[in-house]
Amino acid sequence: MFALSSENRFHLYSQPTDMRKSFNGLSGLVQNKLGRNPCSGEVFIFINKRRDKIKLLHWQGASFMMYYKRLEKGTFELPRYDSSVGSISLNYPQLVMIIDGLSIENIQKRKRYQPNI
């Protein structure tokens, strides 16, 4: 079951990742390179050098879940970031745009009425 939502915290690993890595290898990157706990419930996002594969690692309850997508054509567009940092935080809409192939840089939110409460 796909159990990700805006309630989760998302971290995009800033370096290209070898997609042969599975649960243990990606958990090792989270612990050793990011200094984070892979069992925290946060979602860790990894993309390969060609940017045509993406893996999401998520601890859910008592086990790891991994989501993997491979593009047959095209690449995933990533937000601009400083590659010297270990990871960048994303929100759920940004993750969905990356996975769906939408341009993050060119999308602008239109003004909407906000009542004063």
PDB file of N, CA and C in Angstrom:
ATOM      1  N   MET A   1       0.846  -1.183   0.000  1.00  0.00           N
ATOM      2  CA  MET A   1       0.000   0.000   0.000  1.00  0.00           C
ATOM      3  C   MET A   1       0.888   1.243   0.000  1.00  0.00           C
ATOM      4  N   PHE A   2       0.582   2.186  -0.848  1.00  0.00           N
ATOM      5  CA  PHE A   2       1.321   3.443  -0.923  1.00  0.00           C
ATOM      6  C   PHE A   2       0.855   4.316   0.230  1.00  0.00           C
ATOM      7  N   ALA A   3       1.733   4.503   1.212  1.00  0.00           N
ATOM      8  CA  ALA A   3       1.324   5.168   2.448  1.00  0.00           C
ATOM      9  C   ALA A   3       2.048   6.484   2.677  1.00  0.00           C
ATOM     10  N   LEU A   4       2.325   7.226   1.625  1.00  0.00           N
ATOM     11  CA  LEU A   4       3.001   8.506   1.785  1.00  0.00           C
ATOM     12  C   LEU A   4       1.986   9.632   1.647  1.00  0.00           C
ATOM     13  N   SER A   5       2.210  10.694   2.424  1.00  0.00           N
ATOM     14  CA  SER A   5       1.294  11.833   2.379  1.00  0.00           C
ATOM     15  C   SER A   5       2.040  13.085   2.812  1.00  0.00           C
ATOM     16  N   SER A   6       1.313  14.168   2.883  1.00  0.00           N
ATOM     17  CA  SER A   6       1.919  15.430   3.313  1.00  0.00           C
ATOM     18  C   SER A   6       2.301  15.403   4.790  1.00  0.00           C
ATOM     19  N   GLU A   7       1.888  14.370   5.516  1.00  0.00           N
ATOM     20  CA  GLU A   7       2.265  14.229   6.921  1.00  0.00           C
ATOM     21  C   GLU A   7       3.719  13.784   7.073  1.00  0.00           C
ATOM     22  N   ASN A   8       4.280  13.174   6.032  1.00  0.00           N
ATOM     23  CA  ASN A   8       5.663  12.687   6.077  1.00  0.00           C
ATOM     24  C   ASN A   8       6.654  13.812   5.840  1.00  0.00           C
ATOM     25  N   ARG A   9       7.886  13.595   6.298  1.00  0.00           N
ATOM     26  CA  ARG A   9       9.003  14.493   5.989  1.00  0.00           C
ATOM     27  C   ARG A   9       9.846  13.799   4.930  1.00  0.00           C
ATOM     28  N   PHE A  10      10.269  14.548   3.904  1.00  0.00           N
ATOM     29  CA  PHE A  10      10.970  13.986   2.756  1.00  0.00           C
ATOM     30  C   PHE A  10      12.359  14.599   2.643  1.00  0.00           C
ATOM     31  N   HIS A  11      13.357  13.741   2.411  1.00  0.00           N
ATOM     32  CA  HIS A  11      14.744  14.180   2.280  1.00  0.00           C
ATOM     33  C   HIS A  11      15.328  13.597   1.000  1.00  0.00           C
ATOM     34  N   LEU A  12      15.761  14.459   0.099  1.00  0.00           N
ATOM     35  CA  LEU A  12      16.398  14.041  -1.150  1.00  0.00           C
ATOM     36  C   LEU A  12      17.902  13.989  -0.930  1.00  0.00           C
ATOM     37  N   TYR A  13      18.494  12.804  -1.084  1.00  0.00           N
ATOM     38  CA  TYR A  13      19.940  12.637  -0.958  1.00  0.00           C
ATOM     39  C   TYR A  13      20.588  13.374  -2.116  1.00  0.00           C
ATOM     40  N   SER A  14      21.598  14.186  -1.827  1.00  0.00           N
ATOM     41  CA  SER A  14      22.119  15.120  -2.834  1.00  0.00           C
ATOM     42  C   SER A  14      23.108  14.515  -3.826  1.00  0.00           C
ATOM     43  N   GLN A  15      23.572  13.300  -3.592  1.00  0.00           N
ATOM     44  CA  GLN A  15      24.544  12.681  -4.492  1.00  0.00           C
ATOM     45  C   GLN A  15      23.879  11.592  -5.332  1.00  0.00           C
ATOM     46  N   PRO A  16      24.372  11.357  -6.547  1.00  0.00           N
ATOM     47  CA  PRO A  16      23.834  10.242  -7.340  1.00  0.00           C
ATOM     48  C   PRO A  16      24.031   8.925  -6.585  1.00  0.00           C
ATOM     49  N   THR A  17      23.048   8.049  -6.689  1.00  0.00           N
ATOM     50  CA  THR A  17      23.055   6.805  -5.928  1.00  0.00           C
ATOM     51  C   THR A  17      23.081   5.607  -6.860  1.00  0.00           C
ATOM     52  N   ASP A  18      23.855   4.601  -6.490  1.00  0.00           N
ATOM     53  CA  ASP A  18      23.898   3.331  -7.202  1.00  0.00           C
ATOM     54  C   ASP A  18      22.573   2.612  -6.945  1.00  0.00           C
ATOM     55  N   MET A  19      21.773   2.424  -7.971  1.00  0.00           N
ATOM     56  CA  MET A  19      20.448   1.842  -7.805  1.00  0.00           C
ATOM     57  C   MET A  19      20.482   0.341  -7.537  1.00  0.00           C
ATOM     58  N   ARG A  20      21.667  -0.261  -7.505  1.00  0.00           N
ATOM     59  CA  ARG A  20      21.757  -1.664  -7.088  1.00  0.00           C
ATOM     60  C   ARG A  20      21.610  -1.777  -5.578  1.00  0.00           C
ATOM     61  N   LYS A  21      21.743  -0.659  -4.874  1.00  0.00           N
ATOM     62  CA  LYS A  21      21.570  -0.677  -3.416  1.00  0.00           C
ATOM     63  C   LYS A  21      20.107  -0.966  -3.092  1.00  0.00           C
ATOM     64  N   SER A  22      19.919  -1.764  -2.063  1.00  0.00           N
ATOM     65  CA  SER A  22      18.570  -2.079  -1.617  1.00  0.00           C
ATOM     66  C   SER A  22      18.390  -1.568  -0.186  1.00  0.00           C
ATOM     67  N   PHE A  23      17.601  -2.247   0.607  1.00  0.00           N
ATOM     68  CA  PHE A  23      17.265  -1.770   1.942  1.00  0.00           C
ATOM     69  C   PHE A  23      18.500  -1.495   2.802  1.00  0.00           C
ATOM     70  N   ASN A  24      19.400  -2.464   2.892  1.00  0.00           N
ATOM     71  CA  ASN A  24      20.575  -2.300   3.755  1.00  0.00           C
ATOM     72  C   ASN A  24      21.517  -1.220   3.241  1.00  0.00           C
ATOM     73  N   GLY A  25      21.775  -1.200   1.938  1.00  0.00           N
ATOM     74  CA  GLY A  25      22.687  -0.205   1.372  1.00  0.00           C
ATOM     75  C   GLY A  25      22.162   1.214   1.511  1.00  0.00           C
ATOM     76  N   LEU A  26      20.872   1.403   1.247  1.00  0.00           N
ATOM     77  CA  LEU A  26      20.286   2.737   1.370  1.00  0.00           C
ATOM     78  C   LEU A  26      20.187   3.161   2.838  1.00  0.00           C
ATOM     79  N   SER A  27      19.874   2.214   3.709  1.00  0.00           N
ATOM     80  CA  SER A  27      19.851   2.526   5.147  1.00  0.00           C
ATOM     81  C   SER A  27      21.227   2.960   5.618  1.00  0.00           C
ATOM     82  N   GLY A  28      22.269   2.311   5.082  1.00  0.00           N
ATOM     83  CA  GLY A  28      23.638   2.693   5.417  1.00  0.00           C
ATOM     84  C   GLY A  28      23.957   4.109   4.980  1.00  0.00           C
ATOM     85  N   LEU A  29      23.494   4.508   3.788  1.00  0.00           N
ATOM     86  CA  LEU A  29      23.698   5.888   3.337  1.00  0.00           C
ATOM     87  C   LEU A  29      23.006   6.874   4.276  1.00  0.00           C
ATOM     88  N   VAL A  30      21.791   6.540   4.670  1.00  0.00           N
ATOM     89  CA  VAL A  30      21.036   7.424   5.565  1.00  0.00           C
ATOM     90  C   VAL A  30      21.790   7.606   6.881  1.00  0.00           C
ATOM     91  N   GLN A  31      22.279   6.503   7.442  1.00  0.00           N
ATOM     92  CA  GLN A  31      22.987   6.578   8.726  1.00  0.00           C
ATOM     93  C   GLN A  31      24.359   7.229   8.588  1.00  0.00           C
ATOM     94  N   ASN A  32      25.154   6.753   7.628  1.00  0.00           N
ATOM     95  CA  ASN A  32      26.559   7.160   7.549  1.00  0.00           C
ATOM     96  C   ASN A  32      26.783   8.494   6.851  1.00  0.00           C
ATOM     97  N   LYS A  33      26.017   8.799   5.829  1.00  0.00           N
ATOM     98  CA  LYS A  33      26.227  10.037   5.073  1.00  0.00           C
ATOM     99  C   LYS A  33      25.346  11.183   5.558  1.00  0.00           C
ATOM    100  N   LEU A  34      24.124  10.850   5.977  1.00  0.00           N
ATOM    101  CA  LEU A  34      23.197  11.901   6.408  1.00  0.00           C
ATOM    102  C   LEU A  34      23.133  12.048   7.925  1.00  0.00           C
ATOM    103  N   GLY A  35      23.623  11.041   8.646  1.00  0.00           N
ATOM    104  CA  GLY A  35      23.575  11.092  10.106  1.00  0.00           C
ATOM    105  C   GLY A  35      22.162  11.046  10.648  1.00  0.00           C
ATOM    106  N   ARG A  36      21.278  10.372   9.931  1.00  0.00           N
ATOM    107  CA  ARG A  36      19.876  10.298  10.337  1.00  0.00           C
ATOM    108  C   ARG A  36      19.509   8.843  10.620  1.00  0.00           C
ATOM    109  N   ASN A  37      18.424   8.661  11.312  1.00  0.00           N
ATOM    110  CA  ASN A  37      17.929   7.330  11.642  1.00  0.00           C
ATOM    111  C   ASN A  37      16.973   6.870  10.541  1.00  0.00           C
ATOM    112  N   PRO A  38      17.306   5.796   9.807  1.00  0.00           N
ATOM    113  CA  PRO A  38      16.414   5.346   8.737  1.00  0.00           C
ATOM    114  C   PRO A  38      15.078   4.818   9.254  1.00  0.00           C
ATOM    115  N   CYS A  39      14.985   4.531  10.546  1.00  0.00           N
ATOM    116  CA  CYS A  39      13.741   4.024  11.138  1.00  0.00           C
ATOM    117  C   CYS A  39      12.903   5.138  11.760  1.00  0.00           C
ATOM    118  N   SER A  40      13.187   6.379  11.405  1.00  0.00           N
ATOM    119  CA  SER A  40      12.509   7.534  12.010  1.00  0.00           C
ATOM    120  C   SER A  40      11.108   7.773  11.460  1.00  0.00           C
ATOM    121  N   GLY A  41      10.774   7.125  10.344  1.00  0.00           N
ATOM    122  CA  GLY A  41       9.492   7.388   9.699  1.00  0.00           C
ATOM    123  C   GLY A  41       9.593   8.431   8.605  1.00  0.00           C
ATOM    124  N   GLU A  42      10.755   9.092   8.499  1.00  0.00           N
ATOM    125  CA  GLU A  42      10.975  10.041   7.410  1.00  0.00           C
ATOM    126  C   GLU A  42      11.179   9.265   6.107  1.00  0.00           C
ATOM    127  N   VAL A  43      10.979   9.935   4.985  1.00  0.00           N
ATOM    128  CA  VAL A  43      11.135   9.305   3.675  1.00  0.00           C
ATOM    129  C   VAL A  43      12.420   9.830   3.050  1.00  0.00           C
ATOM    130  N   PHE A  44      13.280   8.908   2.633  1.00  0.00           N
ATOM    131  CA  PHE A  44      14.565   9.261   2.034  1.00  0.00           C
ATOM    132  C   PHE A  44      14.515   8.930   0.548  1.00  0.00           C
ATOM    133  N   ILE A  45      14.885   9.910  -0.272  1.00  0.00           N
ATOM    134  CA  ILE A  45      14.747   9.818  -1.726  1.00  0.00           C
ATOM    135  C   ILE A  45      16.133   9.748  -2.350  1.00  0.00           C
ATOM    136  N   PHE A  46      16.307   8.792  -3.260  1.00  0.00           N
ATOM    137  CA  PHE A  46      17.588   8.581  -3.926  1.00  0.00           C
ATOM    138  C   PHE A  46      17.367   8.557  -5.432  1.00  0.00           C
ATOM    139  N   ILE A  47      18.257   9.212  -6.176  1.00  0.00           N
ATOM    140  CA  ILE A  47      18.158   9.265  -7.636  1.00  0.00           C
ATOM    141  C   ILE A  47      19.518   8.907  -8.213  1.00  0.00           C
ATOM    142  N   ASN A  48      19.518   8.169  -9.327  1.00  0.00           N
ATOM    143  CA  ASN A  48      20.784   7.764  -9.938  1.00  0.00           C
ATOM    144  C   ASN A  48      21.389   8.894 -10.759  1.00  0.00           C
ATOM    145  N   LYS A  49      22.609   8.661 -11.250  1.00  0.00           N
ATOM    146  CA  LYS A  49      23.349   9.701 -11.974  1.00  0.00           C
ATOM    147  C   LYS A  49      22.632  10.136 -13.249  1.00  0.00           C
ATOM    148  N   ARG A  50      22.026   9.195 -13.967  1.00  0.00           N
ATOM    149  CA  ARG A  50      21.317   9.531 -15.213  1.00  0.00           C
ATOM    150  C   ARG A  50      19.951  10.168 -14.953  1.00  0.00           C
ATOM    151  N   ARG A  51      19.521  10.159 -13.710  1.00  0.00           N
ATOM    152  CA  ARG A  51      18.236  10.732 -13.281  1.00  0.00           C
ATOM    153  C   ARG A  51      17.041  10.069 -13.967  1.00  0.00           C
ATOM    154  N   ASP A  52      17.165   8.768 -14.247  1.00  0.00           N
ATOM    155  CA  ASP A  52      16.025   8.056 -14.818  1.00  0.00           C
ATOM    156  C   ASP A  52      15.471   6.991 -13.863  1.00  0.00           C
ATOM    157  N   LYS A  53      16.043   6.926 -12.663  1.00  0.00           N
ATOM    158  CA  LYS A  53      15.566   5.992 -11.643  1.00  0.00           C
ATOM    159  C   LYS A  53      15.492   6.721 -10.305  1.00  0.00           C
ATOM    160  N   ILE A  54      14.455   6.380  -9.545  1.00  0.00           N
ATOM    161  CA  ILE A  54      14.269   6.986  -8.224  1.00  0.00           C
ATOM    162  C   ILE A  54      13.823   5.900  -7.256  1.00  0.00           C
ATOM    163  N   LYS A  55      14.372   5.948  -6.041  1.00  0.00           N
ATOM    164  CA  LYS A  55      13.956   5.042  -4.974  1.00  0.00           C
ATOM    165  C   LYS A  55      13.607   5.870  -3.753  1.00  0.00           C
ATOM    166  N   LEU A  56      12.559   5.462  -3.081  1.00  0.00           N
ATOM    167  CA  LEU A  56      12.148   6.080  -1.826  1.00  0.00           C
ATOM    168  C   LEU A  56      12.211   5.014  -0.746  1.00  0.00           C
ATOM    169  N   LEU A  57      12.888   5.310   0.341  1.00  0.00           N
ATOM    170  CA  LEU A  57      13.005   4.389   1.470  1.00  0.00           C
ATOM    171  C   LEU A  57      12.234   4.979   2.638  1.00  0.00           C
ATOM    172  N   HIS A  58      11.351   4.154   3.202  1.00  0.00           N
ATOM    173  CA  HIS A  58      10.459   4.645   4.255  1.00  0.00           C
ATOM    174  C   HIS A  58      10.253   3.545   5.292  1.00  0.00           C
ATOM    175  N   TRP A  59      10.474   3.890   6.546  1.00  0.00           N
ATOM    176  CA  TRP A  59      10.166   2.964   7.635  1.00  0.00           C
ATOM    177  C   TRP A  59       8.712   3.166   7.999  1.00  0.00           C
ATOM    178  N   GLN A  60       7.936   2.074   7.914  1.00  0.00           N
ATOM    179  CA  GLN A  60       6.506   2.173   8.188  1.00  0.00           C
ATOM    180  C   GLN A  60       6.129   1.112   9.215  1.00  0.00           C
ATOM    181  N   GLY A  61       5.849   1.549  10.416  1.00  0.00           N
ATOM    182  CA  GLY A  61       5.449   0.618  11.466  1.00  0.00           C
ATOM    183  C   GLY A  61       6.608  -0.235  11.937  1.00  0.00           C
ATOM    184  N   ALA A  62       6.690  -1.455  11.427  1.00  0.00           N
ATOM    185  CA  ALA A  62       7.723  -2.393  11.862  1.00  0.00           C
ATOM    186  C   ALA A  62       8.583  -2.891  10.711  1.00  0.00           C
ATOM    187  N   SER A  63       8.537  -2.204   9.571  1.00  0.00           N
ATOM    188  CA  SER A  63       9.310  -2.686   8.420  1.00  0.00           C
ATOM    189  C   SER A  63       9.606  -1.548   7.458  1.00  0.00           C
ATOM    190  N   PHE A  64      10.592  -1.807   6.598  1.00  0.00           N
ATOM    191  CA  PHE A  64      10.924  -0.849   5.553  1.00  0.00           C
ATOM    192  C   PHE A  64      10.008  -1.044   4.359  1.00  0.00           C
ATOM    193  N   MET A  65       9.675   0.064   3.716  1.00  0.00           N
ATOM    194  CA  MET A  65       8.979   0.060   2.430  1.00  0.00           C
ATOM    195  C   MET A  65       9.909   0.736   1.437  1.00  0.00           C
ATOM    196  N   MET A  66       9.960   0.209   0.220  1.00  0.00           N
ATOM    197  CA  MET A  66      10.759   0.848  -0.821  1.00  0.00           C
ATOM    198  C   MET A  66       9.878   1.030  -2.049  1.00  0.00           C
ATOM    199  N   TYR A  67       9.914   2.233  -2.577  1.00  0.00           N
ATOM    200  CA  TYR A  67       9.207   2.551  -3.810  1.00  0.00           C
ATOM    201  C   TYR A  67      10.274   2.812  -4.863  1.00  0.00           C
ATOM    202  N   TYR A  68      10.098   2.246  -6.044  1.00  0.00           N
ATOM    203  CA  TYR A  68      11.122   2.331  -7.091  1.00  0.00           C
ATOM    204  C   TYR A  68      10.424   2.638  -8.412  1.00  0.00           C
ATOM    205  N   LYS A  69      10.922   3.644  -9.113  1.00  0.00           N
ATOM    206  CA  LYS A  69      10.368   3.989 -10.423  1.00  0.00           C
ATOM    207  C   LYS A  69      11.513   4.146 -11.412  1.00  0.00           C
ATOM    208  N   ARG A  70      11.347   3.526 -12.588  1.00  0.00           N
ATOM    209  CA  ARG A  70      12.333   3.627 -13.660  1.00  0.00           C
ATOM    210  C   ARG A  70      11.639   4.211 -14.883  1.00  0.00           C
ATOM    211  N   LEU A  71      12.195   5.284 -15.407  1.00  0.00           N
ATOM    212  CA  LEU A  71      11.642   5.905 -16.602  1.00  0.00           C
ATOM    213  C   LEU A  71      12.197   5.213 -17.842  1.00  0.00           C
ATOM    214  N   GLU A  72      11.346   4.938 -18.793  1.00  0.00           N
ATOM    215  CA  GLU A  72      11.793   4.373 -20.064  1.00  0.00           C
ATOM    216  C   GLU A  72      12.316   5.465 -20.986  1.00  0.00           C
ATOM    217  N   LYS A  73      11.856   6.689 -20.766  1.00  0.00           N
ATOM    218  CA  LYS A  73      12.300   7.833 -21.563  1.00  0.00           C
ATOM    219  C   LYS A  73      12.237   9.068 -20.684  1.00  0.00           C
ATOM    220  N   GLY A  74      13.211   9.956 -20.838  1.00  0.00           N
ATOM    221  CA  GLY A  74      13.211  11.200 -20.074  1.00  0.00           C
ATOM    222  C   GLY A  74      13.956  11.064 -18.757  1.00  0.00           C
ATOM    223  N   THR A  75      13.935  12.145 -17.994  1.00  0.00           N
ATOM    224  CA  THR A  75      14.632  12.188 -16.706  1.00  0.00           C
ATOM    225  C   THR A  75      13.757  12.876 -15.660  1.00  0.00           C
ATOM    226  N   PHE A  76      14.111  12.646 -14.414  1.00  0.00           N
ATOM    227  CA  PHE A  76      13.455  13.346 -13.317  1.00  0.00           C
ATOM    228  C   PHE A  76      14.096  14.719 -13.179  1.00  0.00           C
ATOM    229  N   GLU A  77      13.278  15.744 -13.090  1.00  0.00           N
ATOM    230  CA  GLU A  77      13.803  17.092 -12.856  1.00  0.00           C
ATOM    231  C   GLU A  77      13.901  17.319 -11.360  1.00  0.00           C
ATOM    232  N   LEU A  78      15.067  17.758 -10.945  1.00  0.00           N
ATOM    233  CA  LEU A  78      15.292  18.004  -9.525  1.00  0.00           C
ATOM    234  C   LEU A  78      15.312  19.499  -9.247  1.00  0.00           C
ATOM    235  N   PRO A  79      14.935  19.887  -8.035  1.00  0.00           N
ATOM    236  CA  PRO A  79      15.055  21.307  -7.684  1.00  0.00           C
ATOM    237  C   PRO A  79      16.525  21.688  -7.595  1.00  0.00           C
ATOM    238  N   ARG A  80      16.815  22.962  -7.748  1.00  0.00           N
ATOM    239  CA  ARG A  80      18.200  23.427  -7.597  1.00  0.00           C
ATOM    240  C   ARG A  80      18.606  23.310  -6.137  1.00  0.00           C
ATOM    241  N   TYR A  81      19.839  22.841  -5.944  1.00  0.00           N
ATOM    242  CA  TYR A  81      20.343  22.704  -4.581  1.00  0.00           C
ATOM    243  C   TYR A  81      21.860  22.699  -4.594  1.00  0.00           C
ATOM    244  N   ASP A  82      22.433  22.924  -3.432  1.00  0.00           N
ATOM    245  CA  ASP A  82      23.881  22.903  -3.242  1.00  0.00           C
ATOM    246  C   ASP A  82      24.292  21.455  -2.996  1.00  0.00           C
ATOM    247  N   SER A  83      25.078  20.875  -3.907  1.00  0.00           N
ATOM    248  CA  SER A  83      25.441  19.461  -3.788  1.00  0.00           C
ATOM    249  C   SER A  83      26.403  19.185  -2.637  1.00  0.00           C
ATOM    250  N   SER A  84      26.901  20.225  -1.984  1.00  0.00           N
ATOM    251  CA  SER A  84      27.799  20.002  -0.846  1.00  0.00           C
ATOM    252  C   SER A  84      27.025  19.640   0.425  1.00  0.00           C
ATOM    253  N   VAL A  85      25.723  19.891   0.437  1.00  0.00           N
ATOM    254  CA  VAL A  85      24.910  19.491   1.587  1.00  0.00           C
ATOM    255  C   VAL A  85      24.510  18.029   1.405  1.00  0.00           C
ATOM    256  N   GLY A  86      24.261  17.341   2.502  1.00  0.00           N
ATOM    257  CA  GLY A  86      23.930  15.922   2.422  1.00  0.00           C
ATOM    258  C   GLY A  86      22.584  15.649   1.790  1.00  0.00           C
ATOM    259  N   SER A  87      21.598  16.456   2.154  1.00  0.00           N
ATOM    260  CA  SER A  87      20.253  16.249   1.611  1.00  0.00           C
ATOM    261  C   SER A  87      19.494  17.567   1.634  1.00  0.00           C
ATOM    262  N   ILE A  88      18.421  17.593   0.878  1.00  0.00           N
ATOM    263  CA  ILE A  88      17.535  18.755   0.912  1.00  0.00           C
ATOM    264  C   ILE A  88      16.132  18.275   1.268  1.00  0.00           C
ATOM    265  N   SER A  89      15.412  19.103   1.967  1.00  0.00           N
ATOM    266  CA  SER A  89      14.045  18.767   2.350  1.00  0.00           C
ATOM    267  C   SER A  89      13.098  19.100   1.215  1.00  0.00           C
ATOM    268  N   LEU A  90      12.169  18.211   0.989  1.00  0.00           N
ATOM    269  CA  LEU A  90      11.106  18.422   0.007  1.00  0.00           C
ATOM    270  C   LEU A  90       9.777  18.303   0.727  1.00  0.00           C
ATOM    271  N   ASN A  91       8.751  18.893   0.137  1.00  0.00           N
ATOM    272  CA  ASN A  91       7.414  18.651   0.651  1.00  0.00           C
ATOM    273  C   ASN A  91       6.714  17.654  -0.282  1.00  0.00           C
ATOM    274  N   TYR A  92       5.563  17.173   0.138  1.00  0.00           N
ATOM    275  CA  TYR A  92       4.857  16.146  -0.628  1.00  0.00           C
ATOM    276  C   TYR A  92       4.500  16.603  -2.044  1.00  0.00           C
ATOM    277  N   PRO A  93       3.965  17.817  -2.232  1.00  0.00           N
ATOM    278  CA  PRO A  93       3.676  18.251  -3.612  1.00  0.00           C
ATOM    279  C   PRO A  93       4.920  18.280  -4.504  1.00  0.00           C
ATOM    280  N   GLN A  94       6.070  18.675  -3.963  1.00  0.00           N
ATOM    281  CA  GLN A  94       7.299  18.668  -4.764  1.00  0.00           C
ATOM    282  C   GLN A  94       7.672  17.247  -5.173  1.00  0.00           C
ATOM    283  N   LEU A  95       7.548  16.302  -4.250  1.00  0.00           N
ATOM    284  CA  LEU A  95       7.844  14.907  -4.574  1.00  0.00           C
ATOM    285  C   LEU A  95       6.923  14.404  -5.675  1.00  0.00           C
ATOM    286  N   VAL A  96       5.652  14.687  -5.566  1.00  0.00           N
ATOM    287  CA  VAL A  96       4.691  14.245  -6.583  1.00  0.00           C
ATOM    288  C   VAL A  96       5.024  14.861  -7.938  1.00  0.00           C
ATOM    289  N   MET A  97       5.410  16.130  -7.957  1.00  0.00           N
ATOM    290  CA  MET A  97       5.779  16.774  -9.226  1.00  0.00           C
ATOM    291  C   MET A  97       7.010  16.114  -9.834  1.00  0.00           C
ATOM    292  N   ILE A  98       8.009  15.780  -9.015  1.00  0.00           N
ATOM    293  CA  ILE A  98       9.201  15.100  -9.525  1.00  0.00           C
ATOM    294  C   ILE A  98       8.810  13.759 -10.136  1.00  0.00           C
ATOM    295  N   ILE A  99       8.028  12.973  -9.418  1.00  0.00           N
ATOM    296  CA  ILE A  99       7.644  11.644  -9.888  1.00  0.00           C
ATOM    297  C   ILE A  99       6.768  11.725 -11.131  1.00  0.00           C
ATOM    298  N   ASP A 100       5.894  12.717 -11.205  1.00  0.00           N
ATOM    299  CA  ASP A 100       4.989  12.860 -12.352  1.00  0.00           C
ATOM    300  C   ASP A 100       5.612  13.580 -13.540  1.00  0.00           C
ATOM    301  N   GLY A 101       6.848  14.052 -13.403  1.00  0.00           N
ATOM    302  CA  GLY A 101       7.531  14.682 -14.528  1.00  0.00           C
ATOM    303  C   GLY A 101       7.188  16.141 -14.736  1.00  0.00           C
ATOM    304  N   LEU A 102       6.711  16.801 -13.703  1.00  0.00           N
ATOM    305  CA  LEU A 102       6.378  18.219 -13.824  1.00  0.00           C
ATOM    306  C   LEU A 102       7.585  19.075 -13.458  1.00  0.00           C
ATOM    307  N   SER A 103       7.685  20.235 -14.055  1.00  0.00           N
ATOM    308  CA  SER A 103       8.788  21.146 -13.783  1.00  0.00           C
ATOM    309  C   SER A 103       8.535  21.885 -12.475  1.00  0.00           C
ATOM    310  N   ILE A 104       9.412  21.709 -11.531  1.00  0.00           N
ATOM    311  CA  ILE A 104       9.271  22.364 -10.228  1.00  0.00           C
ATOM    312  C   ILE A 104       9.581  23.849 -10.328  1.00  0.00           C
ATOM    313  N   GLU A 105      10.564  24.196 -11.145  1.00  0.00           N
ATOM    314  CA  GLU A 105      11.029  25.582 -11.236  1.00  0.00           C
ATOM    315  C   GLU A 105      10.022  26.506 -11.920  1.00  0.00           C
ATOM    316  N   ASN A 106       9.210  25.991 -12.829  1.00  0.00           N
ATOM    317  CA  ASN A 106       8.322  26.845 -13.620  1.00  0.00           C
ATOM    318  C   ASN A 106       6.898  26.933 -13.088  1.00  0.00           C
ATOM    319  N   ILE A 107       6.575  26.165 -12.092  1.00  0.00           N
ATOM    320  CA  ILE A 107       5.216  26.187 -11.561  1.00  0.00           C
ATOM    321  C   ILE A 107       5.114  27.274 -10.499  1.00  0.00           C
ATOM    322  N   GLN A 108       4.084  28.084 -10.622  1.00  0.00           N
ATOM    323  CA  GLN A 108       3.843  29.141  -9.648  1.00  0.00           C
ATOM    324  C   GLN A 108       2.443  28.975  -9.093  1.00  0.00           C
ATOM    325  N   LYS A 109       2.325  29.153  -7.810  1.00  0.00           N
ATOM    326  CA  LYS A 109       1.019  29.069  -7.178  1.00  0.00           C
ATOM    327  C   LYS A 109       0.284  30.387  -7.385  1.00  0.00           C
ATOM    328  N   ARG A 110      -0.959  30.302  -7.824  1.00  0.00           N
ATOM    329  CA  ARG A 110      -1.779  31.481  -8.056  1.00  0.00           C
ATOM    330  C   ARG A 110      -2.337  31.990  -6.732  1.00  0.00           C
ATOM    331  N   LYS A 111      -2.570  33.285  -6.677  1.00  0.00           N
ATOM    332  CA  LYS A 111      -3.122  33.893  -5.466  1.00  0.00           C
ATOM    333  C   LYS A 111      -4.539  33.379  -5.242  1.00  0.00           C
ATOM    334  N   ARG A 112      -4.849  33.162  -3.992  1.00  0.00           N
ATOM    335  CA  ARG A 112      -6.178  32.735  -3.585  1.00  0.00           C
ATOM    336  C   ARG A 112      -6.621  33.567  -2.391  1.00  0.00           C
ATOM    337  N   TYR A 113      -7.916  33.656  -2.240  1.00  0.00           N
ATOM    338  CA  TYR A 113      -8.494  34.390  -1.124  1.00  0.00           C
ATOM    339  C   TYR A 113      -8.159  33.688   0.182  1.00  0.00           C
ATOM    340  N   GLN A 114      -7.703  34.442   1.166  1.00  0.00           N
ATOM    341  CA  GLN A 114      -7.418  33.935   2.503  1.00  0.00           C
ATOM    342  C   GLN A 114      -8.252  34.742   3.491  1.00  0.00           C
ATOM    343  N   PRO A 115      -9.284  34.157   4.064  1.00  0.00           N
ATOM    344  CA  PRO A 115     -10.085  34.906   5.029  1.00  0.00           C
ATOM    345  C   PRO A 115      -9.281  35.178   6.296  1.00  0.00           C
ATOM    346  N   ASN A 116      -9.533  36.323   6.891  1.00  0.00           N
ATOM    347  CA  ASN A 116      -8.880  36.667   8.159  1.00  0.00           C
ATOM    348  C   ASN A 116      -9.636  36.002   9.292  1.00  0.00           C
ATOM    349  N   ILE A 117      -8.976  35.089   9.926  1.00  0.00           N
ATOM    350  CA  ILE A 117      -9.636  34.352  11.022  1.00  0.00           C
ATOM    351  C   ILE A 117      -8.996  34.715  12.331  1.00  0.00           C
TER     352      ILE A 117
END
